Amino acid sequence: MFFFSMEQAVDMGGSMFVHTFGAYFGLAVDWILHRCLDVDDEHENEKSNTNSDIFSVIGKTRVHQNYPN
């Protein structure tokens, strides 16, 4: 909790602690599973193409136009 005391953040109900723990726990589990399962990063279906990139940019632009704040 050094970071919270350094930033003088108020943690009502411990939610920052819970979310920080969940984030680091998820990263640790992902790292362990990635090493144990020997995941190959070269899958053909996981590569992006121009159509999916353009579609995601258009979708992101529409979301930011409709929900500015």
Protein backbone atom coordinates (compact mmCIF):
# COMPACT_ATOMS: atom_id res chain seq x y z
CA MET A 1 0.00 0.00 0.00
CA PHE A 2 3.03 2.25 -0.37
CA PHE A 3 1.71 3.71 -3.63
CA PHE A 4 -1.63 4.69 -2.07
CA SER A 5 0.04 6.45 0.83
CA MET A 6 2.49 8.17 -1.50
CA GLU A 7 -0.29 9.52 -3.73
CA GLN A 8 -2.50 10.34 -0.72
CA ALA A 9 -5.40 8.52 -2.38
CA VAL A 10 -8.53 7.77 -0.39
CA ASP A 11 -9.63 4.14 -0.76
CA MET A 12 -13.22 3.91 0.43
CA GLY A 13 -14.05 0.26 1.03
CA GLY A 14 -10.75 -1.10 -0.28
CA SER A 15 -11.76 -1.14 -3.94
CA MET A 16 -8.38 0.05 -5.25
CA PHE A 17 -6.66 -2.71 -3.32
CA VAL A 18 -9.04 -5.35 -4.68
CA HIS A 19 -8.69 -4.17 -8.29
CA THR A 20 -4.90 -3.87 -8.02
CA PHE A 21 -4.67 -7.37 -6.58
CA GLY A 22 -6.95 -8.72 -9.33
CA ALA A 23 -4.84 -7.09 -12.04
CA TYR A 24 -1.55 -8.48 -10.75
CA PHE A 25 -3.10 -11.89 -10.04
CA GLY A 26 -4.44 -12.06 -13.60
CA LEU A 27 -1.05 -11.13 -15.04
CA ALA A 28 0.67 -13.78 -12.91
CA VAL A 29 -1.80 -16.50 -13.93
CA ASP A 30 -1.45 -15.53 -17.59
CA TRP A 31 2.34 -15.64 -17.35
CA ILE A 32 2.30 -19.06 -15.65
CA LEU A 33 -0.17 -20.54 -18.14
CA HIS A 34 1.77 -19.13 -21.07
CA ARG A 35 4.97 -20.78 -19.84
CA CYS A 36 3.35 -24.11 -18.85
CA LEU A 37 1.27 -24.59 -21.98
CA ASP A 38 4.08 -23.53 -24.36
CA VAL A 39 1.74 -21.38 -26.43
CA ASP A 40 2.76 -20.85 -30.03
CA ASP A 41 2.24 -17.22 -31.07
CA GLU A 42 2.14 -17.90 -34.82
CA HIS A 43 -1.53 -18.59 -35.59
CA GLU A 44 -2.89 -17.59 -39.00
CA ASN A 45 -6.33 -16.55 -37.69
CA GLU A 46 -4.90 -14.16 -35.08
CA LYS A 47 -3.36 -11.75 -37.58
CA SER A 48 -5.16 -8.53 -38.43
CA ASN A 49 -6.06 -7.45 -41.92
CA THR A 50 -7.05 -4.14 -43.49
CA ASN A 51 -10.80 -4.75 -43.27
CA SER A 52 -10.78 -5.51 -39.55
CA ASP A 53 -8.51 -2.53 -38.83
CA ILE A 54 -10.74 -0.10 -40.75
CA PHE A 55 -13.88 -1.53 -39.13
CA SER A 56 -12.43 -1.09 -35.64
CA VAL A 57 -11.38 2.51 -36.35
CA ILE A 58 -14.83 3.37 -37.69
CA GLY A 59 -16.48 1.72 -34.68
CA LYS A 60 -14.24 3.55 -32.22
CA THR A 61 -14.94 6.86 -33.97
CA ARG A 62 -18.71 6.26 -33.80
CA VAL A 63 -18.55 5.41 -30.10
CA HIS A 64 -16.62 8.61 -29.34
CA GLN A 65 -19.07 10.68 -31.40
CA ASN A 66 -22.10 9.26 -29.58
CA TYR A 67 -20.58 9.20 -26.08
CA PRO A 68 -18.20 12.19 -25.84
CA ASN A 69 -17.87 12.17 -22.07
